Amino acid sequence: GYDAVVTLEDGFVGGEDSWRGLAGLVAGTLAANVTDLAARRSGTLPRIGKVGSRHGQTLSQEPTVIYDTYGLSIDDIVAAVTALS
């Protein structure tokens, strides 16, 4: 029943342009059910976006420092949701 879905994960497995990991699972589920979704939603499909670290490494610091450093902050999430609006 949602118009958009945004996933949040601590890394982009396979790179930023990849749809593996959680984003891939969500995208795959939407694709597997595209006919049913389109029928129930008058032909429109939910949009999908993702937020994740653009770097393959992590830090040994508090989570908020890691989130801000690697693109997982509240501002990053809001930007992803706003882009789908």
PDB file of N, CA and C in Angstrom:
ATOM      1  N   GLY A   1       0.777  -1.189   0.000  1.00  0.00           N
ATOM      2  CA  GLY A   1       0.000   0.000   0.000  1.00  0.00           C
ATOM      3  C   GLY A   1       0.832   1.273   0.000  1.00  0.00           C
ATOM      4  N   TYR A   2       2.145   1.164   0.012  1.00  0.00           N
ATOM      5  CA  TYR A   2       3.005   2.350   0.023  1.00  0.00           C
ATOM      6  C   TYR A   2       3.369   2.755  -1.404  1.00  0.00           C
ATOM      7  N   ASP A   3       3.612   4.051  -1.599  1.00  0.00           N
ATOM      8  CA  ASP A   3       4.002   4.541  -2.917  1.00  0.00           C
ATOM      9  C   ASP A   3       5.494   4.410  -3.165  1.00  0.00           C
ATOM     10  N   ALA A   4       6.275   4.251  -2.091  1.00  0.00           N
ATOM     11  CA  ALA A   4       7.723   4.139  -2.240  1.00  0.00           C
ATOM     12  C   ALA A   4       8.295   3.336  -1.073  1.00  0.00           C
ATOM     13  N   VAL A   5       9.444   2.718  -1.342  1.00  0.00           N
ATOM     14  CA  VAL A   5      10.170   1.951  -0.332  1.00  0.00           C
ATOM     15  C   VAL A   5      11.622   2.392  -0.391  1.00  0.00           C
ATOM     16  N   VAL A   6      12.218   2.674   0.769  1.00  0.00           N
ATOM     17  CA  VAL A   6      13.642   3.003   0.843  1.00  0.00           C
ATOM     18  C   VAL A   6      14.295   2.017   1.787  1.00  0.00           C
ATOM     19  N   THR A   7      15.337   1.353   1.334  1.00  0.00           N
ATOM     20  CA  THR A   7      16.072   0.430   2.196  1.00  0.00           C
ATOM     21  C   THR A   7      17.279   1.149   2.779  1.00  0.00           C
ATOM     22  N   LEU A   8      17.699   0.692   3.925  1.00  0.00           N
ATOM     23  CA  LEU A   8      18.873   1.228   4.607  1.00  0.00           C
ATOM     24  C   LEU A   8      19.751   0.053   4.987  1.00  0.00           C
ATOM     25  N   GLU A   9      20.992   0.079   4.513  1.00  0.00           N
ATOM     26  CA  GLU A   9      21.909  -1.003   4.846  1.00  0.00           C
ATOM     27  C   GLU A   9      23.315  -0.457   5.028  1.00  0.00           C
ATOM     28  N   ASP A  10      24.113  -1.200   5.746  1.00  0.00           N
ATOM     29  CA  ASP A  10      25.426  -0.680   6.107  1.00  0.00           C
ATOM     30  C   ASP A  10      26.465  -0.828   5.013  1.00  0.00           C
ATOM     31  N   GLY A  11      26.075  -1.247   3.853  1.00  0.00           N
ATOM     32  CA  GLY A  11      27.002  -1.332   2.740  1.00  0.00           C
ATOM     33  C   GLY A  11      26.270  -1.611   1.446  1.00  0.00           C
ATOM     34  N   PHE A  12      26.864  -1.247   0.336  1.00  0.00           N
ATOM     35  CA  PHE A  12      26.331  -1.594  -0.974  1.00  0.00           C
ATOM     36  C   PHE A  12      27.147  -2.770  -1.477  1.00  0.00           C
ATOM     37  N   VAL A  13      26.653  -3.973  -1.271  1.00  0.00           N
ATOM     38  CA  VAL A  13      27.363  -5.156  -1.729  1.00  0.00           C
ATOM     39  C   VAL A  13      27.455  -5.087  -3.247  1.00  0.00           C
ATOM     40  N   GLY A  14      28.656  -5.127  -3.766  1.00  0.00           N
ATOM     41  CA  GLY A  14      28.836  -5.062  -5.213  1.00  0.00           C
ATOM     42  C   GLY A  14      28.933  -3.651  -5.752  1.00  0.00           C
ATOM     43  N   GLY A  15      28.907  -2.658  -4.894  1.00  0.00           N
ATOM     44  CA  GLY A  15      29.042  -1.274  -5.338  1.00  0.00           C
ATOM     45  C   GLY A  15      27.748  -0.496  -5.242  1.00  0.00           C
ATOM     46  N   GLU A  16      27.870   0.815  -5.357  1.00  0.00           N
ATOM     47  CA  GLU A  16      26.725   1.703  -5.185  1.00  0.00           C
ATOM     48  C   GLU A  16      25.640   1.469  -6.230  1.00  0.00           C
ATOM     49  N   ASP A  17      26.002   1.043  -7.430  1.00  0.00           N
ATOM     50  CA  ASP A  17      25.023   0.803  -8.481  1.00  0.00           C
ATOM     51  C   ASP A  17      24.429  -0.597  -8.433  1.00  0.00           C
ATOM     52  N   SER A  18      24.855  -1.390  -7.487  1.00  0.00           N
ATOM     53  CA  SER A  18      24.377  -2.760  -7.365  1.00  0.00           C
ATOM     54  C   SER A  18      23.044  -2.812  -6.621  1.00  0.00           C
ATOM     55  N   TRP A  19      22.233  -3.791  -6.973  1.00  0.00           N
ATOM     56  CA  TRP A  19      20.964  -4.023  -6.265  1.00  0.00           C
ATOM     57  C   TRP A  19      21.011  -5.376  -5.582  1.00  0.00           C
ATOM     58  N   ARG A  20      22.132  -5.662  -4.928  1.00  0.00           N
ATOM     59  CA  ARG A  20      22.245  -6.867  -4.111  1.00  0.00           C
ATOM     60  C   ARG A  20      21.902  -6.512  -2.681  1.00  0.00           C
ATOM     61  N   GLY A  21      22.032  -7.439  -1.770  1.00  0.00           N
ATOM     62  CA  GLY A  21      21.744  -7.170  -0.364  1.00  0.00           C
ATOM     63  C   GLY A  21      20.260  -6.923  -0.137  1.00  0.00           C
ATOM     64  N   LEU A  22      19.943  -6.125   0.881  1.00  0.00           N
ATOM     65  CA  LEU A  22      18.554  -5.853   1.235  1.00  0.00           C
ATOM     66  C   LEU A  22      17.812  -5.169   0.091  1.00  0.00           C
ATOM     67  N   ALA A  23      18.436  -4.194  -0.551  1.00  0.00           N
ATOM     68  CA  ALA A  23      17.790  -3.505  -1.673  1.00  0.00           C
ATOM     69  C   ALA A  23      17.447  -4.494  -2.784  1.00  0.00           C
ATOM     70  N   GLY A  24      18.336  -5.442  -3.039  1.00  0.00           N
ATOM     71  CA  GLY A  24      18.084  -6.459  -4.060  1.00  0.00           C
ATOM     72  C   GLY A  24      16.934  -7.375  -3.698  1.00  0.00           C
ATOM     73  N   LEU A  25      16.847  -7.722  -2.417  1.00  0.00           N
ATOM     74  CA  LEU A  25      15.733  -8.566  -1.976  1.00  0.00           C
ATOM     75  C   LEU A  25      14.397  -7.843  -2.144  1.00  0.00           C
ATOM     76  N   VAL A  26      14.355  -6.581  -1.771  1.00  0.00           N
ATOM     77  CA  VAL A  26      13.122  -5.794  -1.916  1.00  0.00           C
ATOM     78  C   VAL A  26      12.782  -5.624  -3.399  1.00  0.00           C
ATOM     79  N   ALA A  27      13.770  -5.250  -4.208  1.00  0.00           N
ATOM     80  CA  ALA A  27      13.531  -5.068  -5.643  1.00  0.00           C
ATOM     81  C   ALA A  27      13.079  -6.376  -6.291  1.00  0.00           C
ATOM     82  N   GLY A  28      13.693  -7.488  -5.891  1.00  0.00           N
ATOM     83  CA  GLY A  28      13.309  -8.791  -6.433  1.00  0.00           C
ATOM     84  C   GLY A  28      11.885  -9.173  -6.064  1.00  0.00           C
ATOM     85  N   THR A  29      11.496  -8.858  -4.838  1.00  0.00           N
ATOM     86  CA  THR A  29      10.125  -9.153  -4.403  1.00  0.00           C
ATOM     87  C   THR A  29       9.123  -8.317  -5.181  1.00  0.00           C
ATOM     88  N   LEU A  30       9.429  -7.034  -5.370  1.00  0.00           N
ATOM     89  CA  LEU A  30       8.545  -6.186  -6.177  1.00  0.00           C
ATOM     90  C   LEU A  30       8.451  -6.719  -7.612  1.00  0.00           C
ATOM     91  N   ALA A  31       9.583  -7.104  -8.188  1.00  0.00           N
ATOM     92  CA  ALA A  31       9.593  -7.609  -9.559  1.00  0.00           C
ATOM     93  C   ALA A  31       8.821  -8.924  -9.678  1.00  0.00           C
ATOM     94  N   ALA A  32       8.974  -9.787  -8.695  1.00  0.00           N
ATOM     95  CA  ALA A  32       8.286 -11.080  -8.734  1.00  0.00           C
ATOM     96  C   ALA A  32       6.778 -10.930  -8.625  1.00  0.00           C
ATOM     97  N   ASN A  33       6.332  -9.820  -8.069  1.00  0.00           N
ATOM     98  CA  ASN A  33       4.900  -9.597  -7.872  1.00  0.00           C
ATOM     99  C   ASN A  33       4.374  -8.428  -8.692  1.00  0.00           C
ATOM    100  N   VAL A  34       5.086  -8.054  -9.749  1.00  0.00           N
ATOM    101  CA  VAL A  34       4.759  -6.848 -10.502  1.00  0.00           C
ATOM    102  C   VAL A  34       3.341  -6.892 -11.088  1.00  0.00           C
ATOM    103  N   THR A  35       2.921  -8.018 -11.618  1.00  0.00           N
ATOM    104  CA  THR A  35       1.581  -8.099 -12.223  1.00  0.00           C
ATOM    105  C   THR A  35       0.499  -7.885 -11.179  1.00  0.00           C
ATOM    106  N   ASP A  36       0.629  -8.556 -10.042  1.00  0.00           N
ATOM    107  CA  ASP A  36      -0.353  -8.410  -8.966  1.00  0.00           C
ATOM    108  C   ASP A  36      -0.342  -6.995  -8.397  1.00  0.00           C
ATOM    109  N   LEU A  37       0.849  -6.462  -8.191  1.00  0.00           N
ATOM    110  CA  LEU A  37       0.953  -5.096  -7.660  1.00  0.00           C
ATOM    111  C   LEU A  37       0.321  -4.080  -8.607  1.00  0.00           C
ATOM    112  N   ALA A  38       0.607  -4.202  -9.889  1.00  0.00           N
ATOM    113  CA  ALA A  38       0.061  -3.263 -10.871  1.00  0.00           C
ATOM    114  C   ALA A  38      -1.459  -3.349 -10.919  1.00  0.00           C
ATOM    115  N   ALA A  39      -1.981  -4.552 -10.818  1.00  0.00           N
ATOM    116  CA  ALA A  39      -3.437  -4.726 -10.853  1.00  0.00           C
ATOM    117  C   ALA A  39      -4.089  -4.101  -9.616  1.00  0.00           C
ATOM    118  N   ARG A  40      -3.482  -4.304  -8.456  1.00  0.00           N
ATOM    119  CA  ARG A  40      -4.055  -3.771  -7.218  1.00  0.00           C
ATOM    120  C   ARG A  40      -3.855  -2.270  -7.078  1.00  0.00           C
ATOM    121  N   ARG A  41      -2.885  -1.717  -7.800  1.00  0.00           N
ATOM    122  CA  ARG A  41      -2.558  -0.299  -7.629  1.00  0.00           C
ATOM    123  C   ARG A  41      -2.903   0.515  -8.875  1.00  0.00           C
ATOM    124  N   SER A  42      -3.862   0.073  -9.661  1.00  0.00           N
ATOM    125  CA  SER A  42      -4.292   0.787 -10.870  1.00  0.00           C
ATOM    126  C   SER A  42      -3.126   1.075 -11.819  1.00  0.00           C
ATOM    127  N   GLY A  43      -2.253   0.116 -11.971  1.00  0.00           N
ATOM    128  CA  GLY A  43      -1.153   0.230 -12.923  1.00  0.00           C
ATOM    129  C   GLY A  43       0.099   0.903 -12.405  1.00  0.00           C
ATOM    130  N   THR A  44       0.057   1.497 -11.218  1.00  0.00           N
ATOM    131  CA  THR A  44       1.255   2.146 -10.679  1.00  0.00           C
ATOM    132  C   THR A  44       2.008   1.180  -9.781  1.00  0.00           C
ATOM    133  N   LEU A  45       3.292   1.334  -9.747  1.00  0.00           N
ATOM    134  CA  LEU A  45       4.137   0.483  -8.911  1.00  0.00           C
ATOM    135  C   LEU A  45       4.873   1.338  -7.890  1.00  0.00           C
ATOM    136  N   PRO A  46       5.179   0.761  -6.727  1.00  0.00           N
ATOM    137  CA  PRO A  46       5.963   1.515  -5.746  1.00  0.00           C
ATOM    138  C   PRO A  46       7.365   1.812  -6.287  1.00  0.00           C
ATOM    139  N   ARG A  47       7.868   2.990  -5.991  1.00  0.00           N
ATOM    140  CA  ARG A  47       9.235   3.334  -6.349  1.00  0.00           C
ATOM    141  C   ARG A  47      10.156   2.793  -5.255  1.00  0.00           C
ATOM    142  N   ILE A  48      11.399   2.538  -5.616  1.00  0.00           N
ATOM    143  CA  ILE A  48      12.348   1.998  -4.631  1.00  0.00           C
ATOM    144  C   ILE A  48      13.634   2.820  -4.646  1.00  0.00           C
ATOM    145  N   GLY A  49      14.137   3.078  -3.471  1.00  0.00           N
ATOM    146  CA  GLY A  49      15.404   3.767  -3.312  1.00  0.00           C
ATOM    147  C   GLY A  49      16.211   3.064  -2.236  1.00  0.00           C
ATOM    148  N   LYS A  50      17.463   3.436  -2.113  1.00  0.00           N
ATOM    149  CA  LYS A  50      18.298   2.798  -1.102  1.00  0.00           C
ATOM    150  C   LYS A  50      19.287   3.788  -0.527  1.00  0.00           C
ATOM    151  N   VAL A  51      19.615   3.554   0.703  1.00  0.00           N
ATOM    152  CA  VAL A  51      20.637   4.324   1.400  1.00  0.00           C
ATOM    153  C   VAL A  51      21.630   3.317   1.931  1.00  0.00           C
ATOM    154  N   GLY A  52      22.902   3.545   1.678  1.00  0.00           N
ATOM    155  CA  GLY A  52      23.916   2.631   2.167  1.00  0.00           C
ATOM    156  C   GLY A  52      25.288   3.256   2.087  1.00  0.00           C
ATOM    157  N   SER A  53      26.204   2.652   2.765  1.00  0.00           N
ATOM    158  CA  SER A  53      27.569   3.150   2.780  1.00  0.00           C
ATOM    159  C   SER A  53      28.161   3.097   1.384  1.00  0.00           C
ATOM    160  N   ARG A  54      28.792   4.180   0.988  1.00  0.00           N
ATOM    161  CA  ARG A  54      29.469   4.199  -0.304  1.00  0.00           C
ATOM    162  C   ARG A  54      30.892   3.647  -0.190  1.00  0.00           C
ATOM    163  N   HIS A  55      31.237   3.184   0.993  1.00  0.00           N
ATOM    164  CA  HIS A  55      32.586   2.688   1.258  1.00  0.00           C
ATOM    165  C   HIS A  55      32.481   1.275   1.819  1.00  0.00           C
ATOM    166  N   GLY A  56      33.434   0.463   1.508  1.00  0.00           N
ATOM    167  CA  GLY A  56      33.399  -0.912   1.964  1.00  0.00           C
ATOM    168  C   GLY A  56      34.057  -1.149   3.303  1.00  0.00           C
ATOM    169  N   GLN A  57      34.304  -0.092   4.035  1.00  0.00           N
ATOM    170  CA  GLN A  57      34.966  -0.272   5.320  1.00  0.00           C
ATOM    171  C   GLN A  57      34.117   0.316   6.445  1.00  0.00           C
ATOM    172  N   THR A  58      34.450  -0.018   7.638  1.00  0.00           N
ATOM    173  CA  THR A  58      33.753   0.537   8.794  1.00  0.00           C
ATOM    174  C   THR A  58      34.760   1.119   9.767  1.00  0.00           C
ATOM    175  N   LEU A  59      34.260   1.812  10.755  1.00  0.00           N
ATOM    176  CA  LEU A  59      35.102   2.416  11.777  1.00  0.00           C
ATOM    177  C   LEU A  59      34.775   1.795  13.125  1.00  0.00           C
ATOM    178  N   SER A  60      35.705   1.864  14.033  1.00  0.00           N
ATOM    179  CA  SER A  60      35.452   1.413  15.402  1.00  0.00           C
ATOM    180  C   SER A  60      35.090   2.620  16.246  1.00  0.00           C
ATOM    181  N   GLN A  61      33.937   3.191  15.952  1.00  0.00           N
ATOM    182  CA  GLN A  61      33.458   4.356  16.676  1.00  0.00           C
ATOM    183  C   GLN A  61      31.964   4.186  16.941  1.00  0.00           C
ATOM    184  N   GLU A  62      31.388   5.178  17.599  1.00  0.00           N
ATOM    185  CA  GLU A  62      29.965   5.128  17.894  1.00  0.00           C
ATOM    186  C   GLU A  62      29.163   5.078  16.598  1.00  0.00           C
ATOM    187  N   PRO A  63      28.004   4.415  16.623  1.00  0.00           N
ATOM    188  CA  PRO A  63      27.204   4.281  15.397  1.00  0.00           C
ATOM    189  C   PRO A  63      26.892   5.607  14.701  1.00  0.00           C
ATOM    190  N   THR A  64      26.564   6.652  15.442  1.00  0.00           N
ATOM    191  CA  THR A  64      26.219   7.914  14.779  1.00  0.00           C
ATOM    192  C   THR A  64      27.395   8.495  14.001  1.00  0.00           C
ATOM    193  N   VAL A  65      28.605   8.306  14.501  1.00  0.00           N
ATOM    194  CA  VAL A  65      29.800   8.775  13.784  1.00  0.00           C
ATOM    195  C   VAL A  65      29.955   7.978  12.498  1.00  0.00           C
ATOM    196  N   ILE A  66      29.766   6.678  12.577  1.00  0.00           N
ATOM    197  CA  ILE A  66      29.859   5.817  11.394  1.00  0.00           C
ATOM    198  C   ILE A  66      28.790   6.197  10.378  1.00  0.00           C
ATOM    199  N   TYR A  67      27.559   6.383  10.843  1.00  0.00           N
ATOM    200  CA  TYR A  67      26.455   6.734   9.939  1.00  0.00           C
ATOM    201  C   TYR A  67      26.741   8.047   9.217  1.00  0.00           C
ATOM    202  N   ASP A  68      27.187   9.056   9.963  1.00  0.00           N
ATOM    203  CA  ASP A  68      27.483  10.353   9.347  1.00  0.00           C
ATOM    204  C   ASP A  68      28.648  10.252   8.367  1.00  0.00           C
ATOM    205  N   THR A  69      29.660   9.469   8.712  1.00  0.00           N
ATOM    206  CA  THR A  69      30.838   9.333   7.864  1.00  0.00           C
ATOM    207  C   THR A  69      30.540   8.604   6.567  1.00  0.00           C
ATOM    208  N   TYR A  70      29.694   7.573   6.638  1.00  0.00           N
ATOM    209  CA  TYR A  70      29.490   6.700   5.480  1.00  0.00           C
ATOM    210  C   TYR A  70      28.140   6.854   4.794  1.00  0.00           C
ATOM    211  N   GLY A  71      27.462   7.971   5.003  1.00  0.00           N
ATOM    212  CA  GLY A  71      26.252   8.230   4.236  1.00  0.00           C
ATOM    213  C   GLY A  71      25.004   7.544   4.731  1.00  0.00           C
ATOM    214  N   LEU A  72      24.925   7.271   6.031  1.00  0.00           N
ATOM    215  CA  LEU A  72      23.760   6.599   6.604  1.00  0.00           C
ATOM    216  C   LEU A  72      23.041   7.484   7.620  1.00  0.00           C
ATOM    217  N   SER A  73      23.235   8.770   7.539  1.00  0.00           N
ATOM    218  CA  SER A  73      22.666   9.686   8.524  1.00  0.00           C
ATOM    219  C   SER A  73      21.173   9.922   8.263  1.00  0.00           C
ATOM    220  N   ILE A  74      20.534  10.565   9.202  1.00  0.00           N
ATOM    221  CA  ILE A  74      19.125  10.914   9.035  1.00  0.00           C
ATOM    222  C   ILE A  74      18.952  11.778   7.789  1.00  0.00           C
ATOM    223  N   ASP A  75      19.864  12.711   7.565  1.00  0.00           N
ATOM    224  CA  ASP A  75      19.775  13.560   6.376  1.00  0.00           C
ATOM    225  C   ASP A  75      19.846  12.737   5.090  1.00  0.00           C
ATOM    226  N   ASP A  76      20.687  11.692   5.079  1.00  0.00           N
ATOM    227  CA  ASP A  76      20.782  10.820   3.899  1.00  0.00           C
ATOM    228  C   ASP A  76      19.479  10.065   3.672  1.00  0.00           C
ATOM    229  N   ILE A  77      18.861   9.608   4.748  1.00  0.00           N
ATOM    230  CA  ILE A  77      17.593   8.882   4.643  1.00  0.00           C
ATOM    231  C   ILE A  77      16.493   9.827   4.147  1.00  0.00           C
ATOM    232  N   VAL A  78      16.423  11.012   4.722  1.00  0.00           N
ATOM    233  CA  VAL A  78      15.417  12.001   4.304  1.00  0.00           C
ATOM    234  C   VAL A  78      15.613  12.352   2.837  1.00  0.00           C
ATOM    235  N   ALA A  79      16.836  12.527   2.406  1.00  0.00           N
ATOM    236  CA  ALA A  79      17.114  12.855   1.007  1.00  0.00           C
ATOM    237  C   ALA A  79      16.635  11.746   0.072  1.00  0.00           C
ATOM    238  N   ALA A  80      16.848  10.489   0.467  1.00  0.00           N
ATOM    239  CA  ALA A  80      16.414   9.365  -0.362  1.00  0.00           C
ATOM    240  C   ALA A  80      14.890   9.299  -0.467  1.00  0.00           C
ATOM    241  N   VAL A  81      14.225   9.523   0.658  1.00  0.00           N
ATOM    242  CA  VAL A  81      12.760   9.506   0.658  1.00  0.00           C
ATOM    243  C   VAL A  81      12.215  10.694  -0.144  1.00  0.00           C
ATOM    244  N   THR A  82      12.806  11.856   0.036  1.00  0.00           N
ATOM    245  CA  THR A  82      12.367  13.053  -0.686  1.00  0.00           C
ATOM    246  C   THR A  82      12.548  12.872  -2.203  1.00  0.00           C
ATOM    247  N   ALA A  83      13.622  12.224  -2.598  1.00  0.00           N
ATOM    248  CA  ALA A  83      13.875  12.006  -4.026  1.00  0.00           C
ATOM    249  C   ALA A  83      12.794  11.135  -4.665  1.00  0.00           C
ATOM    250  N   LEU A  84      12.142  10.308  -3.870  1.00  0.00           N
ATOM    251  CA  LEU A  84      11.083   9.439  -4.396  1.00  0.00           C
ATOM    252  C   LEU A  84       9.716  10.078  -4.323  1.00  0.00           C
ATOM    253  N   SER A  85       9.621  11.246  -3.690  1.00  0.00           N
ATOM    254  CA  SER A  85       8.327  11.904  -3.527  1.00  0.00           C
ATOM    255  C   SER A  85       7.884  12.612  -4.779  1.00  0.00           C
TER     256      SER A  85
END
